[in-house]
Amino acid sequence: MFRSWKLWLALLVVATLAGGFALWRQRQPGVTATLDPAFAALGHGSRSVRVTLRAPSAPLASLQVRVTHAGAQRTVLEEEFGGAERQAERPLALEAAALGLTEGAAELQVFARDRLWRPRPDPGPRLVHRFTVDLTPPTLELRAATGYVRHAGVGLAVYRVAGATRSGIRVGSAFFPGVPGLASDPGVHVALFASPYSEPPAAPSVVAEDEAGNQRVIGVRVTFLPARFPKDTIRLTEAFLRRKVPELAPQTPGTASPAELLEAFLRVNRGGRQAAEAKIREVAQAGSAPRPLWQGAFRQQPNSKVFANFPEQRTYLADGRVVDTQWHLGIDLASHRHTPVEAANAGRVVFTGANGIYGNIVVLDHGLGLHTLYGHLSEIGVKVGQSVSKGEPLGRTGETGLAGGDHLHFAVLVHGVYATPLEWWDAQWIRDRIARPLAEAGIRLEGIGDGAAVPDAAASPALTPPAVQPRKKR
C-alpha cells in the first residue's frame, strides 16, 4: 500500500511538471509579422511591399503568404528556413492582374512558424491585412495650359481631376503638384511647372494617381521657344582664394599653400555647393501658399545691372588650367555697395540665414510653389513667417559666401526647380503665359488676370537676356 502511494505521488509530480512544461512552452511568444507599407488598395501595376518576421523564441521554420479574394486563395510566397535566422525580411511584388484579382475586398495573410515545439500549434495567420482591389483610374481633364514655354522657363496648366490622391504636372524627371481652391469647382487644380535646365526639353504631362496606384496621364502640347545658355570663365587668383576659402572652409590653416587653398576651394565649390542646393530644395519643397501671394510683374532691383544670366555654365581656371565646371543658377545684380535689397513681389519669408556658397540668404514664398531667393547679403532685415509687400526691404547686398564682389544673387524656383527670372520681370509674359490659361479655364485672380484677353500671338518673341555688364574676373 505504501509503495502504491509513493508511485502515485511520483506520477502526480511528473504529470505536474510535464503539464507545467507544456504550459510554459505553449505560452512562449510565436513569430510576429509586419507589413510595410500597410497599403489600403491595389490596382493596375505592381505594388512593392516588405514582410518582416521576428521569432523571439526559436529560429524561423516556415513562411507562407496568401491573398484571399472572392472565396479563392492564391499563394504569393512560400519558403522553408533551414538556418538559425530569428529575423527575416522578404520583398513582395503584388499585381492584381497576375493574381487574377477583380475589384472588391481582399486579404493578405501571412503564416509563419518557428522551430519551438508547442503542444497546440496555432494554425492561424500571424498577420491579416485587409485591402481593396481598385482597377478604375482617376478621371482627368485638361482645361487650359501655357502653349509656348522656354527651356528653363515656366508654364501653367489648369486641369480637373476626380478620384486621385496625387496629381500634378510631370516634366522630365520633375513633378509639380497641382493646387485646388482657385476655382469654384473643388476638382479644378492649378499647377505651375518649369522646364528643368539640366534636362533636354520635354513635353509636360498631367498625371493623376489614386490610392491603388492607378494612373491617368494626359499630354500637354507645348512649343518650346529657343533658349541660349551663356558660358563664362572664372579665373581663380591666390588673393581671391586667401580671402574667401577661410570663410567657407574654416578648417583651412592660415599658412595653407596655394595648392591647399585650391583643394579646399574645390571641396566648397563641389560638395559645399551640393549641400547648399539641397537646403534650398528642402525649403522650396517644404510647402507653399495654396494661392498666389503676388500681383503683377516681379521687379528687378532698382538701379541694378545684370552681371550674369541664368543658367550660366562656368569654367574655373587656376594657373591657366581647367579645375572645375559648375552651373550658376540665378542672375547677378550689382549696384552700389550694401544697397538695400527689395522684395521682387509680395510674399512670405520662409528662410533666412547662412547657406554655404550663397552666404546670407532670404527665401520668399509667393504661392503656388513659386519662390524667389536673395543671396550674398551683408545684412538680413526680415524674419521667417513675416509677410512682405513688393519693394519692401529684405536686407542689404554684400559678398558673403562665394562672391567675388558686392552684388545680389537673385533666383526663381518652382517647387524647388530653378527657372529663369527674366520671364517674371515681364508683365506681358505674365498676361500671356500665366493669366491667359487661367482665364481660359474661367479663373480670374486679382492683379494677375488683368489684360489676359490680349491675343496670345504665336509669334510672341522669346525673351532675350538683358545685356550683361563686364565684370571683374576672379
Protein backbone atom coordinates (compact mmCIF):
# COMPACT_ATOMS: atom_id res chain seq x y z
CA MET A 1 0.00 0.00 0.00
CA PHE A 2 2.83 2.38 0.96
CA ARG A 3 4.67 1.66 -2.28
CA SER A 4 1.49 2.26 -4.30
CA TRP A 5 1.03 5.65 -2.64
CA LYS A 6 4.58 6.69 -3.40
CA LEU A 7 4.16 5.59 -7.01
CA TRP A 8 1.04 7.65 -7.40
CA LEU A 9 2.74 10.64 -5.83
CA ALA A 10 5.65 10.33 -8.21
CA LEU A 11 3.32 10.08 -11.17
CA LEU A 12 1.47 13.16 -9.95
CA VAL A 13 4.71 15.13 -9.64
CA VAL A 14 5.82 14.04 -13.11
CA ALA A 15 2.42 14.93 -14.56
CA THR A 16 2.50 18.30 -12.84
CA LEU A 17 5.98 19.02 -14.12
CA ALA A 18 5.07 17.86 -17.62
CA GLY A 19 1.94 19.96 -17.58
CA GLY A 20 3.85 22.97 -16.35
CA PHE A 21 6.50 22.48 -19.02
CA ALA A 22 3.81 22.12 -21.71
CA LEU A 23 2.04 25.22 -20.44
CA TRP A 24 5.33 27.16 -20.40
CA ARG A 25 6.10 26.06 -23.95
CA GLN A 26 2.61 26.97 -25.12
CA ARG A 27 3.00 30.47 -23.71
CA GLN A 28 6.27 31.22 -25.48
CA PRO A 29 5.68 34.04 -27.98
CA GLY A 30 5.38 32.99 -31.58
CA VAL A 31 6.50 34.71 -34.76
CA THR A 32 5.40 38.30 -35.31
CA ALA A 33 4.87 39.68 -38.83
CA THR A 34 4.67 43.27 -40.04
CA LEU A 35 3.91 44.72 -43.46
CA ASP A 36 5.44 47.90 -44.88
CA PRO A 37 3.83 49.89 -46.34
CA ALA A 38 0.42 48.96 -44.99
CA PHE A 39 -1.33 49.76 -48.27
CA ALA A 40 -5.07 50.37 -48.47
CA ALA A 41 -5.66 49.46 -52.11
CA LEU A 42 -4.17 47.54 -55.01
CA GLY A 43 -4.70 48.50 -58.63
CA HIS A 44 -3.04 48.32 -62.02
CA GLY A 45 0.71 48.00 -61.91
CA SER A 46 2.90 46.32 -59.34
CA ARG A 47 3.00 47.38 -55.70
CA SER A 48 6.15 46.58 -53.73
CA VAL A 49 5.83 45.77 -50.03
CA ARG A 50 8.03 44.11 -47.41
CA VAL A 51 7.11 41.41 -44.90
CA THR A 52 9.28 41.41 -41.78
CA LEU A 53 9.34 38.38 -39.47
CA ARG A 54 10.69 38.24 -35.91
CA ALA A 55 10.94 34.98 -33.94
CA PRO A 56 11.85 35.69 -30.28
CA SER A 57 11.60 32.08 -29.03
CA ALA A 58 13.35 29.95 -31.67
CA PRO A 59 14.74 30.11 -35.23
CA LEU A 60 12.29 30.59 -38.07
CA ALA A 61 10.89 27.45 -39.67
CA SER A 62 8.50 28.44 -42.46
CA LEU A 63 6.73 31.31 -44.20
CA GLN A 64 3.68 31.39 -46.44
CA VAL A 65 1.94 34.48 -47.81
CA ARG A 66 -1.52 34.17 -49.34
CA VAL A 67 -4.00 36.54 -50.92
CA THR A 68 -7.67 35.65 -50.47
CA HIS A 69 -10.25 37.23 -52.73
CA ALA A 70 -13.81 36.30 -53.70
CA GLY A 71 -13.53 32.99 -51.86
CA ALA A 72 -10.31 31.93 -53.60
CA GLN A 73 -6.77 31.70 -52.21
CA ARG A 74 -3.56 32.43 -54.10
CA THR A 75 -0.12 31.73 -52.66
CA VAL A 76 2.22 34.68 -53.20
CA LEU A 77 5.31 33.38 -51.38
CA GLU A 78 6.30 30.11 -49.70
CA GLU A 79 9.64 29.41 -48.00
CA GLU A 80 11.27 26.94 -45.58
CA PHE A 81 14.08 28.22 -43.35
CA GLY A 82 16.98 25.89 -42.66
CA GLY A 83 19.32 28.10 -40.66
CA ALA A 84 19.27 29.86 -37.31
CA GLU A 85 17.54 33.02 -38.52
CA ARG A 86 15.32 34.71 -35.96
CA GLN A 87 14.56 37.71 -38.15
CA ALA A 88 13.89 37.90 -41.87
CA GLU A 89 12.66 40.43 -44.38
CA ARG A 90 11.11 39.40 -47.68
CA PRO A 91 10.01 41.68 -50.53
CA LEU A 92 6.68 41.08 -52.26
CA ALA A 93 5.55 42.34 -55.66
CA LEU A 94 1.75 42.36 -55.74
CA GLU A 95 -0.04 42.79 -59.05
CA ALA A 96 -3.78 42.45 -59.41
CA ALA A 97 -3.70 41.10 -62.96
CA ALA A 98 -1.05 38.48 -62.18
CA LEU A 99 -3.04 37.32 -59.16
CA GLY A 100 -6.29 37.22 -61.15
CA LEU A 101 -7.98 39.75 -58.85
CA THR A 102 -11.08 41.70 -59.70
CA GLU A 103 -12.47 44.74 -57.92
CA GLY A 104 -13.60 44.20 -54.35
CA ALA A 105 -12.36 43.39 -50.83
CA ALA A 106 -9.32 41.17 -50.34
CA GLU A 107 -6.94 39.99 -47.61
CA LEU A 108 -3.24 39.35 -47.43
CA GLN A 109 -2.46 36.61 -44.89
CA VAL A 110 0.98 35.82 -43.51
CA PHE A 111 1.53 32.36 -41.96
CA ALA A 112 4.86 31.92 -40.15
CA ARG A 113 6.23 29.31 -37.73
CA ASP A 114 9.32 28.93 -35.60
CA ARG A 115 11.14 25.69 -34.59
CA LEU A 116 9.91 25.65 -30.99
CA TRP A 117 7.71 22.65 -30.11
CA ARG A 118 4.33 23.58 -28.61
CA PRO A 119 1.54 21.23 -27.52
CA ARG A 120 -1.04 23.04 -29.62
CA PRO A 121 0.46 24.88 -32.63
CA ASP A 122 -1.62 27.87 -33.73
CA PRO A 123 -2.78 27.16 -37.31
CA GLY A 124 -3.94 30.72 -37.86
CA PRO A 125 -2.10 33.52 -39.74
CA ARG A 126 0.35 35.75 -37.91
CA LEU A 127 -0.88 38.77 -39.88
CA VAL A 128 -4.10 39.59 -41.71
CA HIS A 129 -4.07 42.75 -43.82
CA ARG A 130 -7.31 43.81 -45.48
CA PHE A 131 -7.26 45.93 -48.63
CA THR A 132 -9.39 46.87 -51.62
CA VAL A 133 -8.78 45.90 -55.22
CA ASP A 134 -9.47 49.03 -57.29
CA LEU A 135 -8.86 48.87 -61.04
CA THR A 136 -10.58 52.14 -62.00
CA PRO A 137 -8.11 55.00 -62.67
CA PRO A 138 -8.93 58.62 -61.76
CA THR A 139 -10.76 60.85 -64.21
CA LEU A 140 -8.70 63.67 -65.67
CA GLU A 141 -9.43 66.58 -68.00
CA LEU A 142 -7.04 69.29 -69.17
CA ARG A 143 -8.78 72.68 -69.15
CA ALA A 144 -6.01 75.06 -70.29
CA ALA A 145 -2.23 75.37 -70.42
CA THR A 146 0.59 77.65 -71.49
CA GLY A 147 1.28 76.94 -75.15
CA TYR A 148 4.77 78.40 -75.50
CA VAL A 149 7.47 77.52 -72.99
CA ARG A 150 11.17 78.32 -72.91
CA HIS A 151 13.72 75.72 -71.94
CA ALA A 152 14.45 76.67 -68.30
CA GLY A 153 11.22 78.68 -68.34
CA VAL A 154 7.83 78.35 -66.65
CA GLY A 155 4.30 77.46 -67.72
CA LEU A 156 0.92 76.91 -66.09
CA ALA A 157 -1.74 74.23 -66.52
CA VAL A 158 -5.32 74.01 -65.30
CA TYR A 159 -6.97 70.60 -65.10
CA ARG A 160 -9.91 68.86 -63.45
CA VAL A 161 -9.37 65.62 -61.56
CA ALA A 162 -11.57 63.23 -59.57
CA GLY A 163 -10.71 60.12 -57.57
CA ALA A 164 -7.00 60.92 -57.18
CA THR A 165 -4.80 61.19 -54.12
CA ARG A 166 -1.94 62.85 -56.03
CA SER A 167 -1.93 64.92 -59.19
CA GLY A 168 0.21 67.47 -60.98
CA ILE A 169 2.46 68.12 -63.97
CA ARG A 170 5.42 65.92 -64.85
CA VAL A 171 8.21 67.43 -66.92
CA GLY A 172 11.09 65.03 -67.47
CA SER A 173 12.09 63.76 -64.03
CA ALA A 174 10.49 66.70 -62.19
CA PHE A 175 7.00 66.71 -60.68
CA PHE A 176 4.96 69.84 -59.92
CA PRO A 177 1.85 69.25 -57.75
CA GLY A 178 -1.44 70.90 -58.60
CA VAL A 179 -3.36 73.06 -56.14
CA PRO A 180 -7.17 73.14 -55.73
CA GLY A 181 -9.21 76.03 -54.40
CA LEU A 182 -8.74 78.73 -57.07
CA ALA A 183 -11.96 77.79 -58.88
CA SER A 184 -15.48 77.25 -57.57
CA ASP A 185 -15.21 73.60 -58.64
CA PRO A 186 -13.06 71.82 -56.00
CA GLY A 187 -11.92 69.33 -58.62
CA VAL A 188 -10.14 72.02 -60.66
CA HIS A 189 -6.41 72.25 -59.93
CA VAL A 190 -3.77 74.77 -61.00
CA ALA A 191 -0.10 73.88 -61.37
CA LEU A 192 2.94 75.98 -62.16
CA PHE A 193 5.65 73.95 -63.88
CA ALA A 194 9.18 74.55 -65.13
CA SER A 195 11.31 73.04 -67.88
CA PRO A 196 14.45 71.93 -65.98
CA TYR A 197 17.60 73.50 -67.40
CA SER A 198 19.57 70.32 -66.62
CA GLU A 199 17.47 68.09 -68.91
CA PRO A 200 16.56 68.21 -72.61
CA PRO A 201 13.23 69.99 -73.27
CA ALA A 202 10.40 67.54 -72.58
CA ALA A 203 6.68 67.98 -73.17
CA PRO A 204 4.76 68.20 -69.89
CA SER A 205 2.10 65.68 -68.91
CA VAL A 206 -0.79 65.93 -66.47
CA VAL A 207 -0.62 62.95 -64.11
CA ALA A 208 -3.24 61.75 -61.64
CA GLU A 209 -2.77 58.76 -59.32
CA ASP A 210 -5.15 57.16 -56.82
CA GLU A 211 -4.54 55.24 -53.60
CA ALA A 212 -4.36 51.95 -55.51
CA GLY A 213 -1.59 53.25 -57.78
CA ASN A 214 -3.80 53.58 -60.86
CA GLN A 215 -2.66 56.41 -63.11
CA ARG A 216 -4.23 58.60 -65.75
CA VAL A 217 -1.87 60.64 -67.94
CA ILE A 218 -2.69 63.40 -70.46
CA GLY A 219 -0.01 65.01 -72.60
CA VAL A 220 0.19 68.80 -72.81
CA ARG A 221 1.04 70.17 -76.23
CA VAL A 222 3.61 72.96 -75.97
CA THR A 223 6.03 74.69 -78.31
CA PHE A 224 9.49 75.19 -76.88
CA LEU A 225 10.94 78.60 -77.61
CA PRO A 226 14.67 78.86 -78.23
CA ALA A 227 16.89 79.46 -75.23
CA ARG A 228 20.58 80.21 -75.12
CA PHE A 229 22.56 79.20 -72.06
CA PRO A 230 25.56 81.51 -71.67
CA LYS A 231 29.05 80.42 -70.68
CA ASP A 232 31.72 82.19 -68.68
CA THR A 233 35.25 81.64 -67.44
CA ILE A 234 36.26 82.38 -63.85
CA ARG A 235 39.98 82.81 -63.17
CA LEU A 236 40.88 81.91 -59.61
CA THR A 237 43.64 84.03 -58.11
CA GLU A 238 45.55 83.30 -54.93
CA ALA A 239 44.33 86.60 -53.47
CA PHE A 240 40.70 85.56 -54.02
CA LEU A 241 41.28 82.11 -52.55
CA ARG A 242 43.02 83.51 -49.45
CA ARG A 243 40.11 85.91 -48.93
CA LYS A 244 37.18 83.53 -49.47
CA VAL A 245 38.31 80.00 -48.56
CA PRO A 246 38.76 80.65 -44.79
CA GLU A 247 35.16 81.93 -44.66
CA LEU A 248 33.70 78.81 -46.30
CA ALA A 249 36.22 76.22 -45.05
CA PRO A 250 37.31 77.45 -41.58
CA GLN A 251 39.43 74.33 -41.04
CA THR A 252 41.87 75.60 -43.69
CA PRO A 253 45.04 76.81 -41.93
CA GLY A 254 46.19 80.38 -42.45
CA THR A 255 49.53 79.07 -43.69
CA ALA A 256 47.91 76.91 -46.40
CA SER A 257 49.81 76.71 -49.66
CA PRO A 258 48.19 77.78 -52.95
CA ALA A 259 47.62 74.09 -53.77
CA GLU A 260 45.94 73.51 -50.41
CA LEU A 261 43.78 76.60 -50.88
CA LEU A 262 42.70 75.38 -54.31
CA GLU A 263 41.88 71.93 -52.95
CA ALA A 264 39.74 73.49 -50.20
CA PHE A 265 38.02 75.75 -52.75
CA LEU A 266 37.13 72.78 -54.94
CA ARG A 267 35.62 70.95 -51.96
CA VAL A 268 33.45 74.00 -51.30
CA ASN A 269 32.59 74.54 -54.96
CA ARG A 270 31.51 70.90 -55.35
CA GLY A 271 30.35 69.28 -52.12
CA GLY A 272 29.52 72.62 -50.45
CA ARG A 273 27.52 73.69 -53.48
CA GLN A 274 25.57 70.43 -53.45
CA ALA A 275 24.76 70.84 -49.75
CA ALA A 276 23.60 74.43 -50.30
CA GLU A 277 21.39 73.39 -53.22
CA ALA A 278 19.92 70.54 -51.17
CA LYS A 279 18.96 73.01 -48.44
CA ILE A 280 17.34 75.35 -50.95
CA ARG A 281 15.33 72.48 -52.47
CA GLU A 282 14.24 71.42 -49.00
CA VAL A 283 12.99 74.93 -48.24
CA ALA A 284 11.28 75.36 -51.61
CA GLN A 285 9.56 71.97 -51.45
CA ALA A 286 8.52 72.18 -47.80
CA GLY A 287 5.25 73.90 -48.66
CA SER A 288 3.77 76.93 -50.34
CA ALA A 289 0.68 79.08 -50.04
CA PRO A 290 -2.24 77.48 -51.94
CA ARG A 291 -2.93 80.69 -53.85
CA PRO A 292 -0.78 83.46 -55.35
CA LEU A 293 0.53 85.97 -52.83
CA TRP A 294 1.95 88.15 -55.64
CA GLN A 295 0.34 90.53 -58.12
CA GLY A 296 1.60 91.83 -61.44
CA ALA A 297 5.13 91.65 -62.77
CA PHE A 298 8.03 90.95 -60.47
CA ARG A 299 10.51 93.74 -60.02
CA GLN A 300 14.19 93.88 -60.83
CA GLN A 301 16.18 95.55 -58.06
CA PRO A 302 16.12 99.32 -58.64
CA ASN A 303 19.17 100.85 -60.35
CA SER A 304 20.82 97.44 -60.76
CA LYS A 305 22.74 95.99 -63.67
CA VAL A 306 22.81 92.34 -64.73
CA PHE A 307 26.29 90.85 -64.37
CA ALA A 308 25.45 87.19 -65.00
CA ASN A 309 22.44 85.41 -66.50
CA PHE A 310 20.71 82.11 -65.79
CA PRO A 311 21.62 79.33 -66.33
CA GLU A 312 25.27 80.09 -66.93
CA GLN A 313 27.89 77.37 -67.29
CA ARG A 314 31.05 78.47 -65.54
CA THR A 315 34.51 77.09 -66.15
CA TYR A 316 37.03 77.70 -63.36
CA LEU A 317 40.69 78.21 -64.26
CA ALA A 318 43.70 78.13 -61.97
CA ASP A 319 47.16 78.87 -63.39
CA GLY A 320 45.67 78.61 -66.86
CA ARG A 321 44.21 75.11 -66.46
CA VAL A 322 40.59 74.00 -66.03
CA VAL A 323 39.95 72.84 -62.45
CA ASP A 324 36.14 72.77 -62.27
CA THR A 325 32.86 73.41 -64.11
CA GLN A 326 29.60 74.41 -62.39
CA TRP A 327 26.27 76.00 -63.22
CA HIS A 328 25.34 79.46 -61.99
CA LEU A 329 21.66 79.18 -61.06
CA GLY A 330 20.48 82.76 -60.81
CA ILE A 331 21.01 86.30 -62.04
CA ASP A 332 23.70 88.50 -60.51
CA LEU A 333 22.63 92.11 -60.00
CA ALA A 334 25.07 94.82 -59.00
CA SER A 335 24.57 98.37 -57.84
CA HIS A 336 26.30 100.29 -55.06
CA ARG A 337 27.95 98.61 -52.10
CA HIS A 338 25.50 97.50 -49.38
CA THR A 339 22.49 98.60 -51.46
CA PRO A 340 19.06 97.85 -49.91
CA VAL A 341 17.57 94.64 -51.35
CA GLU A 342 13.84 94.78 -52.05
CA ALA A 343 11.25 92.01 -52.36
CA ALA A 344 10.60 91.38 -56.06
CA ASN A 345 6.92 90.86 -55.25
CA ALA A 346 4.63 90.24 -52.31
CA GLY A 347 5.23 87.04 -50.40
CA ARG A 348 6.10 85.39 -47.12
CA VAL A 349 9.58 84.83 -45.69
CA VAL A 350 10.27 81.10 -45.38
CA PHE A 351 14.05 81.10 -44.77
CA THR A 352 16.75 83.45 -43.57
CA GLY A 353 20.36 82.75 -42.66
CA ALA A 354 23.67 81.47 -43.96
CA ASN A 355 23.72 78.80 -46.64
CA GLY A 356 27.21 77.88 -47.80
CA ILE A 357 28.31 79.33 -51.13
CA TYR A 358 25.26 81.64 -51.22
CA GLY A 359 26.23 83.33 -47.97
CA ASN A 360 23.38 85.02 -46.14
CA ILE A 361 20.12 84.42 -47.99
CA VAL A 362 16.43 85.23 -47.79
CA VAL A 363 13.84 82.99 -49.48
CA LEU A 364 10.30 84.24 -50.16
CA ASP A 365 7.26 82.09 -50.92
CA HIS A 366 4.90 83.71 -53.44
CA GLY A 367 2.33 80.89 -53.51
CA LEU A 368 1.61 78.01 -55.91
CA GLY A 369 5.15 76.68 -55.35
CA LEU A 370 6.86 79.87 -56.61
CA HIS A 371 9.86 81.11 -54.59
CA THR A 372 12.49 83.81 -55.00
CA LEU A 373 15.96 83.71 -53.44
CA TYR A 374 18.20 86.65 -52.50
CA GLY A 375 21.83 85.70 -51.83
CA HIS A 376 25.23 87.09 -50.71
CA LEU A 377 23.53 89.55 -48.32
CA SER A 378 25.60 91.54 -45.86
CA GLU A 379 22.54 92.15 -43.67
CA ILE A 380 19.16 90.45 -43.24
CA GLY A 381 16.28 92.61 -42.10
CA VAL A 382 13.32 90.19 -42.06
CA LYS A 383 12.26 87.11 -40.09
CA VAL A 384 10.76 83.76 -41.05
CA GLY A 385 6.96 83.95 -41.18
CA GLN A 386 6.92 87.66 -41.96
CA SER A 387 4.71 88.84 -44.84
CA VAL A 388 6.32 91.37 -47.17
CA SER A 389 4.98 93.56 -49.94
CA LYS A 390 6.57 94.31 -53.30
CA GLY A 391 9.52 96.64 -52.79
CA GLU A 392 9.78 96.07 -49.05
CA PRO A 393 13.41 95.92 -47.81
CA LEU A 394 14.77 92.45 -47.04
CA GLY A 395 18.38 93.36 -46.23
CA ARG A 396 21.46 94.73 -47.99
CA THR A 397 23.73 93.43 -50.74
CA GLY A 398 27.11 92.03 -49.82
CA GLU A 399 29.75 89.48 -50.71
CA THR A 400 29.09 86.70 -48.20
CA GLY A 401 29.53 83.17 -49.47
CA LEU A 402 31.36 82.51 -52.71
CA ALA A 403 31.07 86.06 -54.08
CA GLY A 404 33.95 87.91 -55.65
CA GLY A 405 32.40 91.31 -55.02
CA ASP A 406 29.35 93.07 -53.59
CA HIS A 407 26.22 92.07 -55.53
CA LEU A 408 22.84 90.34 -55.24
CA HIS A 409 22.31 86.76 -56.43
CA PHE A 410 18.64 86.56 -57.44
CA ALA A 411 16.97 83.24 -58.29
CA VAL A 412 13.48 81.94 -59.06
CA LEU A 413 12.36 78.40 -58.22
CA VAL A 414 9.14 76.49 -58.94
CA HIS A 415 8.70 73.66 -56.45
CA GLY A 416 12.46 73.56 -56.00
CA VAL A 417 13.31 73.63 -59.73
CA TYR A 418 15.28 76.67 -60.90
CA ALA A 419 13.70 78.78 -63.65
CA THR A 420 14.68 81.94 -65.48
CA PRO A 421 13.81 85.13 -63.55
CA LEU A 422 13.54 87.19 -66.77
CA GLU A 423 10.00 86.00 -67.51
CA TRP A 424 8.72 87.16 -64.15
CA TRP A 425 10.02 90.70 -64.79
CA ASP A 426 7.87 90.89 -67.95
CA ALA A 427 4.21 91.97 -67.45
CA GLN A 428 3.22 90.83 -70.94
CA TRP A 429 4.71 87.37 -70.33
CA ILE A 430 2.65 87.05 -67.14
CA ARG A 431 -0.51 88.05 -69.01
CA ASP A 432 0.15 85.66 -71.91
CA ARG A 433 1.69 82.67 -70.16
CA ILE A 434 0.12 82.73 -66.68
CA ALA A 435 -3.05 84.83 -66.69
CA ARG A 436 -4.37 83.70 -70.09
CA PRO A 437 -4.61 79.94 -69.34
CA LEU A 438 -6.23 80.84 -66.02
CA ALA A 439 -8.78 83.00 -67.84
CA GLU A 440 -9.41 80.27 -70.43
CA ALA A 441 -10.29 77.95 -67.54
CA GLY A 442 -12.63 80.56 -66.02
CA ILE A 443 -10.29 81.58 -63.19
CA ARG A 444 -9.76 85.28 -62.53
CA LEU A 445 -7.26 86.38 -59.90
CA GLU A 446 -6.95 89.97 -58.79
CA GLY A 447 -3.77 91.60 -60.01
CA ILE A 448 -2.83 88.64 -62.21
CA GLY A 449 -5.64 88.28 -64.76
CA ASP A 450 -5.61 91.95 -65.76
CA GLY A 451 -5.29 92.17 -69.55
CA ALA A 452 -5.42 88.39 -70.00
CA ALA A 453 -7.69 88.72 -73.04
CA VAL A 454 -4.89 90.06 -75.24
CA PRO A 455 -4.14 87.73 -78.20
CA ASP A 456 -1.64 85.00 -77.38
CA ALA A 457 0.37 85.57 -80.54
CA ALA A 458 2.18 82.54 -81.84
CA ALA A 459 4.96 84.84 -82.91
CA SER A 460 5.32 86.32 -79.45
CA PRO A 461 9.07 86.85 -79.18
CA ALA A 462 11.14 84.82 -76.81
CA LEU A 463 12.63 86.82 -74.02
CA THR A 464 16.24 87.73 -74.62
CA PRO A 465 18.61 88.06 -71.70
CA PRO A 466 19.44 91.63 -70.74
CA ALA A 467 22.88 92.87 -71.60
CA VAL A 468 25.45 91.54 -69.20
CA GLN A 469 27.78 94.19 -67.88
CA PRO A 470 31.52 93.46 -67.89
CA ARG A 471 32.68 92.18 -64.57
CA LYS A 472 35.95 91.72 -62.80
CA LYS A 473 37.27 88.21 -63.19
CA ARG A 474 38.33 86.48 -60.01
